[in-house]
Amino acid sequence: MGAWELLLVALVMLIGLCGVLLPGVPGSWLVWAAVLWWTLTDPHGLAWGIFLGASAVLLTAQAVRWQLPARRLRSYGADRRMVAAAGAGALLGFVLLPVVGAVPGFLLGGYLFERLRLGSHAAAAAATRTALRHGGSRILVELFACLLIMGAWLGAVIAA
């Protein structure tokens, strides 16, 4: 697989990652489809292993998501900018502290946005907890699964 094709796969994955943060966009399935595309274009043992692992992680994340409360962030005062800040924090945390940094990065990104918006620590902490209870945890689970898949894909591309 050439460099341009790998960049296109990475672009589809990034679009999927952004799609996780938007309601109604099948972001995690775009990430999965990008891994499938890469696997079918460059079929070797590691690629199939990444694809099977990505499928298992995605199905597990979907099962966990269905057990969590529905996404009703807007009715509780959270807006798209807060979700975008939390997503950017998760991505930054995942890069700075691989794998485990996504969860604290998500929480910190959401908290910092609310702190700037509301002004006080207590109000920002309460708003962050409320957002997590009313759908933010669903976003976190799906985003973490997509980051795991992207990290495994990137590791396999670098290794190959």
Protein backbone atom coordinates (compact mmCIF):
# COMPACT_ATOMS: atom_id res chain seq x y z
CA MET A 1 0.00 0.00 0.00
CA GLY A 2 1.41 3.35 -1.01
CA ALA A 3 1.87 6.45 1.09
CA TRP A 4 -1.10 8.24 -0.48
CA GLU A 5 -3.41 5.34 0.23
CA LEU A 6 -2.21 5.20 3.84
CA LEU A 7 -2.90 8.94 4.15
CA LEU A 8 -6.41 8.39 2.80
CA VAL A 9 -7.02 5.61 5.31
CA ALA A 10 -5.76 7.91 8.08
CA LEU A 11 -8.03 10.70 6.82
CA VAL A 12 -11.07 8.42 6.91
CA MET A 13 -10.11 7.42 10.45
CA LEU A 14 -9.81 11.07 11.51
CA ILE A 15 -13.20 11.84 9.96
CA GLY A 16 -14.60 8.89 11.90
CA LEU A 17 -12.99 10.17 15.07
CA CYS A 18 -14.67 13.54 14.56
CA GLY A 19 -17.89 11.71 13.74
CA VAL A 20 -17.90 10.11 17.18
CA LEU A 21 -18.34 13.57 18.67
CA LEU A 22 -21.29 14.45 16.43
CA PRO A 23 -24.69 12.87 17.09
CA GLY A 24 -26.05 10.86 14.19
CA VAL A 25 -22.69 10.32 12.46
CA PRO A 26 -21.42 6.71 12.48
CA GLY A 27 -17.88 7.64 13.49
CA SER A 28 -16.81 4.32 14.93
CA TRP A 29 -18.03 2.49 11.84
CA LEU A 30 -15.98 4.81 9.64
CA VAL A 31 -12.89 3.92 11.65
CA TRP A 32 -13.75 0.23 11.29
CA ALA A 33 -14.34 0.63 7.54
CA ALA A 34 -10.95 2.34 7.17
CA VAL A 35 -9.25 -0.60 8.91
CA LEU A 36 -11.17 -3.00 6.65
CA TRP A 37 -10.06 -1.03 3.58
CA TRP A 38 -6.44 -1.17 4.73
CA THR A 39 -6.70 -4.90 5.48
CA LEU A 40 -8.23 -5.77 2.11
CA THR A 41 -5.73 -3.61 0.22
CA ASP A 42 -2.67 -4.89 2.07
CA PRO A 43 -3.59 -8.42 3.23
CA HIS A 44 -1.00 -9.89 5.53
CA GLY A 45 -1.19 -11.58 8.91
CA LEU A 46 -0.71 -8.45 11.00
CA ALA A 47 -3.38 -6.57 9.05
CA TRP A 48 -5.92 -9.33 9.62
CA GLY A 49 -5.01 -9.43 13.30
CA ILE A 50 -5.57 -5.67 13.61
CA PHE A 51 -8.87 -5.99 11.76
CA LEU A 52 -10.12 -8.80 14.02
CA GLY A 53 -8.97 -6.90 17.11
CA ALA A 54 -10.66 -3.73 15.88
CA SER A 55 -13.88 -5.64 15.27
CA ALA A 56 -13.79 -7.11 18.78
CA VAL A 57 -13.04 -3.73 20.40
CA LEU A 58 -15.79 -2.03 18.43
CA LEU A 59 -18.40 -4.68 19.24
CA THR A 60 -17.44 -4.56 22.92
CA ALA A 61 -17.68 -0.77 22.93
CA GLN A 62 -21.11 -0.92 21.29
CA ALA A 63 -22.32 -3.42 23.90
CA VAL A 64 -21.04 -1.18 26.71
CA ARG A 65 -22.59 1.92 25.09
CA TRP A 66 -26.03 0.31 25.01
CA GLN A 67 -25.85 -0.14 28.78
CA LEU A 68 -25.11 3.55 29.42
CA PRO A 69 -27.60 6.45 29.54
CA ALA A 70 -28.73 7.96 26.22
CA ARG A 71 -27.11 11.08 24.80
CA ARG A 72 -29.09 14.02 26.11
CA LEU A 73 -26.28 16.52 26.55
CA ARG A 74 -28.07 19.53 25.08
CA SER A 75 -30.98 19.31 27.49
CA TYR A 76 -28.53 19.63 30.38
CA GLY A 77 -26.63 22.65 29.10
CA ALA A 78 -23.70 21.00 27.33
CA ASP A 79 -23.04 22.18 23.80
CA ARG A 80 -20.98 20.97 20.85
CA ARG A 81 -17.99 23.07 21.85
CA MET A 82 -17.77 21.27 25.18
CA VAL A 83 -17.88 17.90 23.41
CA ALA A 84 -15.23 19.10 20.94
CA ALA A 85 -13.00 20.29 23.80
CA ALA A 86 -13.39 16.95 25.58
CA GLY A 87 -12.61 15.09 22.35
CA ALA A 88 -9.52 17.21 21.72
CA GLY A 89 -8.43 16.55 25.30
CA ALA A 90 -8.87 12.81 24.78
CA LEU A 91 -6.82 12.88 21.58
CA LEU A 92 -4.09 14.94 23.22
CA GLY A 93 -4.09 12.69 26.28
CA PHE A 94 -3.89 9.60 24.07
CA VAL A 95 -0.86 11.03 22.27
CA LEU A 96 0.95 12.30 25.37
CA LEU A 97 0.25 9.28 27.57
CA PRO A 98 -0.54 6.41 25.17
CA VAL A 99 -3.76 4.50 25.75
CA VAL A 100 -4.47 5.47 29.37
CA GLY A 101 -4.23 9.22 28.73
CA ALA A 102 -7.45 9.33 26.70
CA VAL A 103 -9.79 9.11 29.70
CA PRO A 104 -8.13 11.81 31.84
CA GLY A 105 -7.68 13.92 28.71
CA PHE A 106 -11.40 13.68 27.94
CA LEU A 107 -12.34 14.67 31.47
CA LEU A 108 -9.78 17.47 31.63
CA GLY A 109 -10.79 18.86 28.22
CA GLY A 110 -14.44 18.99 29.25
CA TYR A 111 -13.59 20.46 32.65
CA LEU A 112 -11.33 23.17 31.21
CA PHE A 113 -13.99 24.23 28.72
CA GLU A 114 -16.59 24.44 31.48
CA ARG A 115 -14.14 26.28 33.75
CA LEU A 116 -13.58 28.94 31.08
CA ARG A 117 -17.30 29.17 30.37
CA LEU A 118 -18.58 29.19 33.96
CA GLY A 119 -15.64 30.73 35.82
CA SER A 120 -15.50 28.71 39.03
CA HIS A 121 -14.13 25.30 39.94
CA ALA A 122 -17.30 24.10 41.67
CA ALA A 123 -19.59 25.03 38.78
CA ALA A 124 -17.21 23.51 36.21
CA ALA A 125 -16.85 20.27 38.17
CA ALA A 126 -20.62 20.01 38.58
CA ALA A 127 -21.21 20.69 34.88
CA THR A 128 -18.62 18.08 33.89
CA ARG A 129 -20.19 15.46 36.17
CA THR A 130 -23.63 16.28 34.79
CA ALA A 131 -22.41 15.98 31.21
CA LEU A 132 -20.83 12.58 31.95
CA ARG A 133 -24.01 11.31 33.56
CA HIS A 134 -26.20 12.38 30.66
CA GLY A 135 -24.39 10.95 27.69
CA GLY A 136 -20.77 11.97 27.98
CA SER A 137 -19.81 8.51 29.15
CA ARG A 138 -21.25 7.04 25.92
CA ILE A 139 -19.10 9.40 23.89
CA LEU A 140 -16.06 8.55 26.00
CA VAL A 141 -16.49 4.80 25.49
CA GLU A 142 -16.88 5.12 21.72
CA LEU A 143 -14.05 7.63 21.41
CA PHE A 144 -11.72 5.46 23.49
CA ALA A 145 -12.50 2.43 21.32
CA CYS A 146 -11.77 4.42 18.16
CA LEU A 147 -8.51 5.74 19.61
CA LEU A 148 -7.46 2.19 20.51
CA ILE A 149 -8.19 1.03 16.97
CA MET A 150 -6.34 3.98 15.45
CA GLY A 151 -3.36 3.42 17.74
CA ALA A 152 -3.15 -0.25 16.83
CA TRP A 153 -3.42 0.57 13.14
CA LEU A 154 -0.71 3.21 13.40
CA GLY A 155 1.56 0.82 15.27
CA ALA A 156 1.05 -1.84 12.60
CA VAL A 157 1.77 0.64 9.80
CA ILE A 158 4.97 1.78 11.50
CA ALA A 159 6.02 -1.82 12.19
CA ALA A 160 5.46 -2.93 8.59
